[in-house]
Amino acid sequence: MNIVGENVKKVRESKGWTQEQLAAKCNLLKWNITRSTLAKIESKVRRVTDIEIKTLSEALGVNVEILFSN
């Protein structure tokens, strides 16, 4: 359902962060997301809007393009 979920998970894990930690960082950026919703994004069960992708990239500290790379 989305093409960024796998890369979100890869980047998050490369930083040694839990889903809880990434969700908390997103919440600090004014996106009210739960760990459960993040899990759905990472497993490609939930769609992700362009604004949400931008927020994920900011929270992860990577360029948006990284989330779309193969």
PDB file of N, CA and C in Angstrom:
ATOM      1  N   MET A   1       0.819  -1.202   0.000  1.00  0.00           N
ATOM      2  CA  MET A   1       0.000   0.000   0.000  1.00  0.00           C
ATOM      3  C   MET A   1       0.862   1.265   0.000  1.00  0.00           C
ATOM      4  N   ASN A   2       2.127   1.139   0.420  1.00  0.00           N
ATOM      5  CA  ASN A   2       3.059   2.265   0.298  1.00  0.00           C
ATOM      6  C   ASN A   2       4.423   1.721  -0.078  1.00  0.00           C
ATOM      7  N   ILE A   3       5.281   2.592  -0.597  1.00  0.00           N
ATOM      8  CA  ILE A   3       6.601   2.135  -1.034  1.00  0.00           C
ATOM      9  C   ILE A   3       7.718   2.611  -0.118  1.00  0.00           C
ATOM     10  N   VAL A   4       7.381   3.337   0.934  1.00  0.00           N
ATOM     11  CA  VAL A   4       8.427   3.860   1.823  1.00  0.00           C
ATOM     12  C   VAL A   4       8.572   3.077   3.119  1.00  0.00           C
ATOM     13  N   GLY A   5       7.608   2.260   3.450  1.00  0.00           N
ATOM     14  CA  GLY A   5       7.595   1.577   4.737  1.00  0.00           C
ATOM     15  C   GLY A   5       8.845   0.775   5.035  1.00  0.00           C
ATOM     16  N   GLU A   6       9.297   0.016   4.057  1.00  0.00           N
ATOM     17  CA  GLU A   6      10.480  -0.818   4.251  1.00  0.00           C
ATOM     18  C   GLU A   6      11.716   0.035   4.554  1.00  0.00           C
ATOM     19  N   ASN A   7      11.865   1.153   3.851  1.00  0.00           N
ATOM     20  CA  ASN A   7      13.018   2.029   4.085  1.00  0.00           C
ATOM     21  C   ASN A   7      12.904   2.785   5.402  1.00  0.00           C
ATOM     22  N   VAL A   8      11.704   3.125   5.805  1.00  0.00           N
ATOM     23  CA  VAL A   8      11.516   3.750   7.119  1.00  0.00           C
ATOM     24  C   VAL A   8      12.042   2.798   8.190  1.00  0.00           C
ATOM     25  N   LYS A   9      11.670   1.536   8.068  1.00  0.00           N
ATOM     26  CA  LYS A   9      12.107   0.531   9.040  1.00  0.00           C
ATOM     27  C   LYS A   9      13.624   0.361   9.009  1.00  0.00           C
ATOM     28  N   LYS A  10      14.212   0.282   7.808  1.00  0.00           N
ATOM     29  CA  LYS A  10      15.663   0.113   7.672  1.00  0.00           C
ATOM     30  C   LYS A  10      16.418   1.262   8.322  1.00  0.00           C
ATOM     31  N   VAL A  11      15.997   2.488   8.032  1.00  0.00           N
ATOM     32  CA  VAL A  11      16.690   3.662   8.592  1.00  0.00           C
ATOM     33  C   VAL A  11      16.510   3.695  10.103  1.00  0.00           C
ATOM     34  N   ARG A  12      15.294   3.443  10.559  1.00  0.00           N
ATOM     35  CA  ARG A  12      15.029   3.440  12.009  1.00  0.00           C
ATOM     36  C   ARG A  12      15.914   2.425  12.707  1.00  0.00           C
ATOM     37  N   GLU A  13      15.970   1.217  12.184  1.00  0.00           N
ATOM     38  CA  GLU A  13      16.776   0.169  12.803  1.00  0.00           C
ATOM     39  C   GLU A  13      18.267   0.475  12.730  1.00  0.00           C
ATOM     40  N   SER A  14      18.709   1.129  11.648  1.00  0.00           N
ATOM     41  CA  SER A  14      20.129   1.475  11.524  1.00  0.00           C
ATOM     42  C   SER A  14      20.546   2.488  12.588  1.00  0.00           C
ATOM     43  N   LYS A  15      19.582   3.255  13.074  1.00  0.00           N
ATOM     44  CA  LYS A  15      19.840   4.224  14.134  1.00  0.00           C
ATOM     45  C   LYS A  15      19.680   3.606  15.529  1.00  0.00           C
ATOM     46  N   GLY A  16      19.220   2.353  15.566  1.00  0.00           N
ATOM     47  CA  GLY A  16      19.017   1.680  16.845  1.00  0.00           C
ATOM     48  C   GLY A  16      17.790   2.169  17.592  1.00  0.00           C
ATOM     49  N   TRP A  17      16.825   2.726  16.864  1.00  0.00           N
ATOM     50  CA  TRP A  17      15.615   3.262  17.482  1.00  0.00           C
ATOM     51  C   TRP A  17      14.501   2.217  17.463  1.00  0.00           C
ATOM     52  N   THR A  18      13.649   2.288  18.478  1.00  0.00           N
ATOM     53  CA  THR A  18      12.436   1.481  18.498  1.00  0.00           C
ATOM     54  C   THR A  18      11.340   2.237  17.750  1.00  0.00           C
ATOM     55  N   GLN A  19      10.253   1.546  17.466  1.00  0.00           N
ATOM     56  CA  GLN A  19       9.103   2.222  16.862  1.00  0.00           C
ATOM     57  C   GLN A  19       8.568   3.291  17.807  1.00  0.00           C
ATOM     58  N   GLU A  20       8.594   3.015  19.092  1.00  0.00           N
ATOM     59  CA  GLU A  20       8.152   3.999  20.098  1.00  0.00           C
ATOM     60  C   GLU A  20       8.966   5.278  19.995  1.00  0.00           C
ATOM     61  N   GLN A  21      10.278   5.128  19.853  1.00  0.00           N
ATOM     62  CA  GLN A  21      11.159   6.295  19.788  1.00  0.00           C
ATOM     63  C   GLN A  21      10.892   7.117  18.538  1.00  0.00           C
ATOM     64  N   LEU A  22      10.731   6.462  17.399  1.00  0.00           N
ATOM     65  CA  LEU A  22      10.446   7.203  16.167  1.00  0.00           C
ATOM     66  C   LEU A  22       9.084   7.880  16.250  1.00  0.00           C
ATOM     67  N   ALA A  23       8.096   7.192  16.786  1.00  0.00           N
ATOM     68  CA  ALA A  23       6.768   7.801  16.945  1.00  0.00           C
ATOM     69  C   ALA A  23       6.854   9.036  17.834  1.00  0.00           C
ATOM     70  N   ALA A  24       7.649   8.968  18.897  1.00  0.00           N
ATOM     71  CA  ALA A  24       7.814  10.118  19.801  1.00  0.00           C
ATOM     72  C   ALA A  24       8.462  11.285  19.065  1.00  0.00           C
ATOM     73  N   LYS A  25       9.456  11.003  18.221  1.00  0.00           N
ATOM     74  CA  LYS A  25      10.118  12.069  17.455  1.00  0.00           C
ATOM     75  C   LYS A  25       9.137  12.708  16.474  1.00  0.00           C
ATOM     76  N   CYS A  26       8.283  11.900  15.863  1.00  0.00           N
ATOM     77  CA  CYS A  26       7.256  12.432  14.962  1.00  0.00           C
ATOM     78  C   CYS A  26       6.257  13.289  15.726  1.00  0.00           C
ATOM     79  N   ASN A  27       5.901  12.863  16.924  1.00  0.00           N
ATOM     80  CA  ASN A  27       4.978  13.647  17.749  1.00  0.00           C
ATOM     81  C   ASN A  27       5.570  15.012  18.088  1.00  0.00           C
ATOM     82  N   LEU A  28       6.883  15.069  18.312  1.00  0.00           N
ATOM     83  CA  LEU A  28       7.544  16.350  18.575  1.00  0.00           C
ATOM     84  C   LEU A  28       7.470  17.277  17.369  1.00  0.00           C
ATOM     85  N   LEU A  29       7.323  16.690  16.173  1.00  0.00           N
ATOM     86  CA  LEU A  29       7.196  17.470  14.938  1.00  0.00           C
ATOM     87  C   LEU A  29       5.725  17.740  14.591  1.00  0.00           C
ATOM     88  N   LYS A  30       4.849  17.582  15.575  1.00  0.00           N
ATOM     89  CA  LYS A  30       3.418  17.898  15.463  1.00  0.00           C
ATOM     90  C   LYS A  30       2.617  16.894  14.640  1.00  0.00           C
ATOM     91  N   TRP A  31       3.124  15.658  14.482  1.00  0.00           N
ATOM     92  CA  TRP A  31       2.351  14.596  13.846  1.00  0.00           C
ATOM     93  C   TRP A  31       1.985  13.603  14.921  1.00  0.00           C
ATOM     94  N   ASN A  32       0.729  13.555  15.274  1.00  0.00           N
ATOM     95  CA  ASN A  32       0.242  12.677  16.330  1.00  0.00           C
ATOM     96  C   ASN A  32       0.116  11.257  15.784  1.00  0.00           C
ATOM     97  N   ILE A  33       1.167  10.446  15.959  1.00  0.00           N
ATOM     98  CA  ILE A  33       1.203   9.086  15.442  1.00  0.00           C
ATOM     99  C   ILE A  33       1.524   8.129  16.589  1.00  0.00           C
ATOM    100  N   THR A  34       0.901   6.980  16.559  1.00  0.00           N
ATOM    101  CA  THR A  34       1.160   5.971  17.584  1.00  0.00           C
ATOM    102  C   THR A  34       2.167   4.946  17.062  1.00  0.00           C
ATOM    103  N   ARG A  35       2.698   4.142  17.966  1.00  0.00           N
ATOM    104  CA  ARG A  35       3.608   3.081  17.575  1.00  0.00           C
ATOM    105  C   ARG A  35       2.890   2.091  16.659  1.00  0.00           C
ATOM    106  N   SER A  36       1.635   1.831  16.954  1.00  0.00           N
ATOM    107  CA  SER A  36       0.834   0.907  16.153  1.00  0.00           C
ATOM    108  C   SER A  36       0.680   1.402  14.713  1.00  0.00           C
ATOM    109  N   THR A  37       0.424   2.675  14.548  1.00  0.00           N
ATOM    110  CA  THR A  37       0.297   3.247  13.203  1.00  0.00           C
ATOM    111  C   THR A  37       1.626   3.181  12.473  1.00  0.00           C
ATOM    112  N   LEU A  38       2.710   3.459  13.167  1.00  0.00           N
ATOM    113  CA  LEU A  38       4.035   3.365  12.556  1.00  0.00           C
ATOM    114  C   LEU A  38       4.321   1.934  12.111  1.00  0.00           C
ATOM    115  N   ALA A  39       3.924   0.966  12.922  1.00  0.00           N
ATOM    116  CA  ALA A  39       4.105  -0.447  12.559  1.00  0.00           C
ATOM    117  C   ALA A  39       3.339  -0.766  11.271  1.00  0.00           C
ATOM    118  N   LYS A  40       2.155  -0.210  11.117  1.00  0.00           N
ATOM    119  CA  LYS A  40       1.357  -0.429   9.914  1.00  0.00           C
ATOM    120  C   LYS A  40       2.026   0.193   8.695  1.00  0.00           C
ATOM    121  N   ILE A  41       2.650   1.360   8.876  1.00  0.00           N
ATOM    122  CA  ILE A  41       3.380   2.002   7.776  1.00  0.00           C
ATOM    123  C   ILE A  41       4.567   1.142   7.375  1.00  0.00           C
ATOM    124  N   GLU A  42       5.334   0.690   8.365  1.00  0.00           N
ATOM    125  CA  GLU A  42       6.520  -0.110   8.081  1.00  0.00           C
ATOM    126  C   GLU A  42       6.169  -1.442   7.422  1.00  0.00           C
ATOM    127  N   SER A  43       5.021  -1.995   7.732  1.00  0.00           N
ATOM    128  CA  SER A  43       4.617  -3.264   7.129  1.00  0.00           C
ATOM    129  C   SER A  43       3.790  -3.057   5.861  1.00  0.00           C
ATOM    130  N   LYS A  44       3.702  -1.818   5.398  1.00  0.00           N
ATOM    131  CA  LYS A  44       3.033  -1.437   4.142  1.00  0.00           C
ATOM    132  C   LYS A  44       1.530  -1.697   4.159  1.00  0.00           C
ATOM    133  N   VAL A  45       0.929  -1.664   5.340  1.00  0.00           N
ATOM    134  CA  VAL A  45      -0.507  -1.882   5.466  1.00  0.00           C
ATOM    135  C   VAL A  45      -1.269  -0.554   5.399  1.00  0.00           C
ATOM    136  N   ARG A  46      -0.590   0.541   5.741  1.00  0.00           N
ATOM    137  CA  ARG A  46      -1.234   1.860   5.784  1.00  0.00           C
ATOM    138  C   ARG A  46      -0.628   2.782   4.745  1.00  0.00           C
ATOM    139  N   ARG A  47      -1.465   3.538   4.110  1.00  0.00           N
ATOM    140  CA  ARG A  47      -0.996   4.550   3.160  1.00  0.00           C
ATOM    141  C   ARG A  47      -0.303   5.682   3.921  1.00  0.00           C
ATOM    142  N   VAL A  48       0.581   6.392   3.212  1.00  0.00           N
ATOM    143  CA  VAL A  48       1.315   7.499   3.814  1.00  0.00           C
ATOM    144  C   VAL A  48       1.166   8.713   2.903  1.00  0.00           C
ATOM    145  N   THR A  49       0.759   9.847   3.468  1.00  0.00           N
ATOM    146  CA  THR A  49       0.618  11.062   2.675  1.00  0.00           C
ATOM    147  C   THR A  49       1.982  11.706   2.456  1.00  0.00           C
ATOM    148  N   ASP A  50       2.042  12.617   1.530  1.00  0.00           N
ATOM    149  CA  ASP A  50       3.309  13.298   1.258  1.00  0.00           C
ATOM    150  C   ASP A  50       3.797  14.086   2.470  1.00  0.00           C
ATOM    151  N   ILE A  51       2.899  14.689   3.207  1.00  0.00           N
ATOM    152  CA  ILE A  51       3.290  15.444   4.406  1.00  0.00           C
ATOM    153  C   ILE A  51       3.823  14.494   5.475  1.00  0.00           C
ATOM    154  N   GLU A  52       3.216  13.320   5.594  1.00  0.00           N
ATOM    155  CA  GLU A  52       3.695  12.334   6.561  1.00  0.00           C
ATOM    156  C   GLU A  52       5.090  11.828   6.187  1.00  0.00           C
ATOM    157  N   ILE A  53       5.330  11.641   4.892  1.00  0.00           N
ATOM    158  CA  ILE A  53       6.659  11.214   4.440  1.00  0.00           C
ATOM    159  C   ILE A  53       7.687  12.277   4.763  1.00  0.00           C
ATOM    160  N   LYS A  54       7.334  13.525   4.563  1.00  0.00           N
ATOM    161  CA  LYS A  54       8.242  14.628   4.895  1.00  0.00           C
ATOM    162  C   LYS A  54       8.557  14.614   6.392  1.00  0.00           C
ATOM    163  N   THR A  55       7.549  14.415   7.215  1.00  0.00           N
ATOM    164  CA  THR A  55       7.752  14.373   8.661  1.00  0.00           C
ATOM    165  C   THR A  55       8.617  13.180   9.060  1.00  0.00           C
ATOM    166  N   LEU A  56       8.377  12.026   8.462  1.00  0.00           N
ATOM    167  CA  LEU A  56       9.200  10.847   8.744  1.00  0.00           C
ATOM    168  C   LEU A  56      10.665  11.114   8.393  1.00  0.00           C
ATOM    169  N   SER A  57      10.898  11.749   7.248  1.00  0.00           N
ATOM    170  CA  SER A  57      12.275  12.021   6.851  1.00  0.00           C
ATOM    171  C   SER A  57      12.938  12.997   7.825  1.00  0.00           C
ATOM    172  N   GLU A  58      12.193  13.996   8.276  1.00  0.00           N
ATOM    173  CA  GLU A  58      12.733  14.943   9.259  1.00  0.00           C
ATOM    174  C   GLU A  58      13.044  14.239  10.573  1.00  0.00           C
ATOM    175  N   ALA A  59      12.127  13.420  11.031  1.00  0.00           N
ATOM    176  CA  ALA A  59      12.319  12.713  12.302  1.00  0.00           C
ATOM    177  C   ALA A  59      13.510  11.762  12.222  1.00  0.00           C
ATOM    178  N   LEU A  60      13.691  11.139  11.060  1.00  0.00           N
ATOM    179  CA  LEU A  60      14.793  10.195  10.872  1.00  0.00           C
ATOM    180  C   LEU A  60      16.112  10.894  10.530  1.00  0.00           C
ATOM    181  N   GLY A  61      16.020  12.176  10.152  1.00  0.00           N
ATOM    182  CA  GLY A  61      17.229  12.924   9.795  1.00  0.00           C
ATOM    183  C   GLY A  61      17.819  12.523   8.457  1.00  0.00           C
ATOM    184  N   VAL A  62      16.947  12.159   7.509  1.00  0.00           N
ATOM    185  CA  VAL A  62      17.410  11.782   6.173  1.00  0.00           C
ATOM    186  C   VAL A  62      16.630  12.561   5.117  1.00  0.00           C
ATOM    187  N   ASN A  63      17.173  12.614   3.904  1.00  0.00           N
ATOM    188  CA  ASN A  63      16.454  13.233   2.798  1.00  0.00           C
ATOM    189  C   ASN A  63      15.278  12.350   2.398  1.00  0.00           C
ATOM    190  N   VAL A  64      14.221  12.954   1.924  1.00  0.00           N
ATOM    191  CA  VAL A  64      13.025  12.230   1.499  1.00  0.00           C
ATOM    192  C   VAL A  64      13.398  11.151   0.472  1.00  0.00           C
ATOM    193  N   GLU A  65      14.346  11.460  -0.393  1.00  0.00           N
ATOM    194  CA  GLU A  65      14.730  10.523  -1.450  1.00  0.00           C
ATOM    195  C   GLU A  65      15.187   9.177  -0.890  1.00  0.00           C
ATOM    196  N   ILE A  66      15.803   9.190   0.278  1.00  0.00           N
ATOM    197  CA  ILE A  66      16.275   7.952   0.924  1.00  0.00           C
ATOM    198  C   ILE A  66      15.099   7.009   1.183  1.00  0.00           C
ATOM    199  N   LEU A  67      13.961   7.569   1.545  1.00  0.00           N
ATOM    200  CA  LEU A  67      12.797   6.744   1.849  1.00  0.00           C
ATOM    201  C   LEU A  67      12.211   6.090   0.596  1.00  0.00           C
ATOM    202  N   PHE A  68      12.521   6.651  -0.583  1.00  0.00           N
ATOM    203  CA  PHE A  68      12.009   6.105  -1.830  1.00  0.00           C
ATOM    204  C   PHE A  68      13.025   5.233  -2.570  1.00  0.00           C
ATOM    205  N   SER A  69      14.254   5.146  -2.056  1.00  0.00           N
ATOM    206  CA  SER A  69      15.298   4.401  -2.764  1.00  0.00           C
ATOM    207  C   SER A  69      15.091   2.904  -2.651  1.00  0.00           C
ATOM    208  N   ASN A  70      15.707   2.192  -3.586  1.00  0.00           N
ATOM    209  CA  ASN A  70      15.597   0.724  -3.576  1.00  0.00           C
ATOM    210  C   ASN A  70      16.624   0.198  -2.672  1.00  0.00           C
TER     211      ASN A  70
END
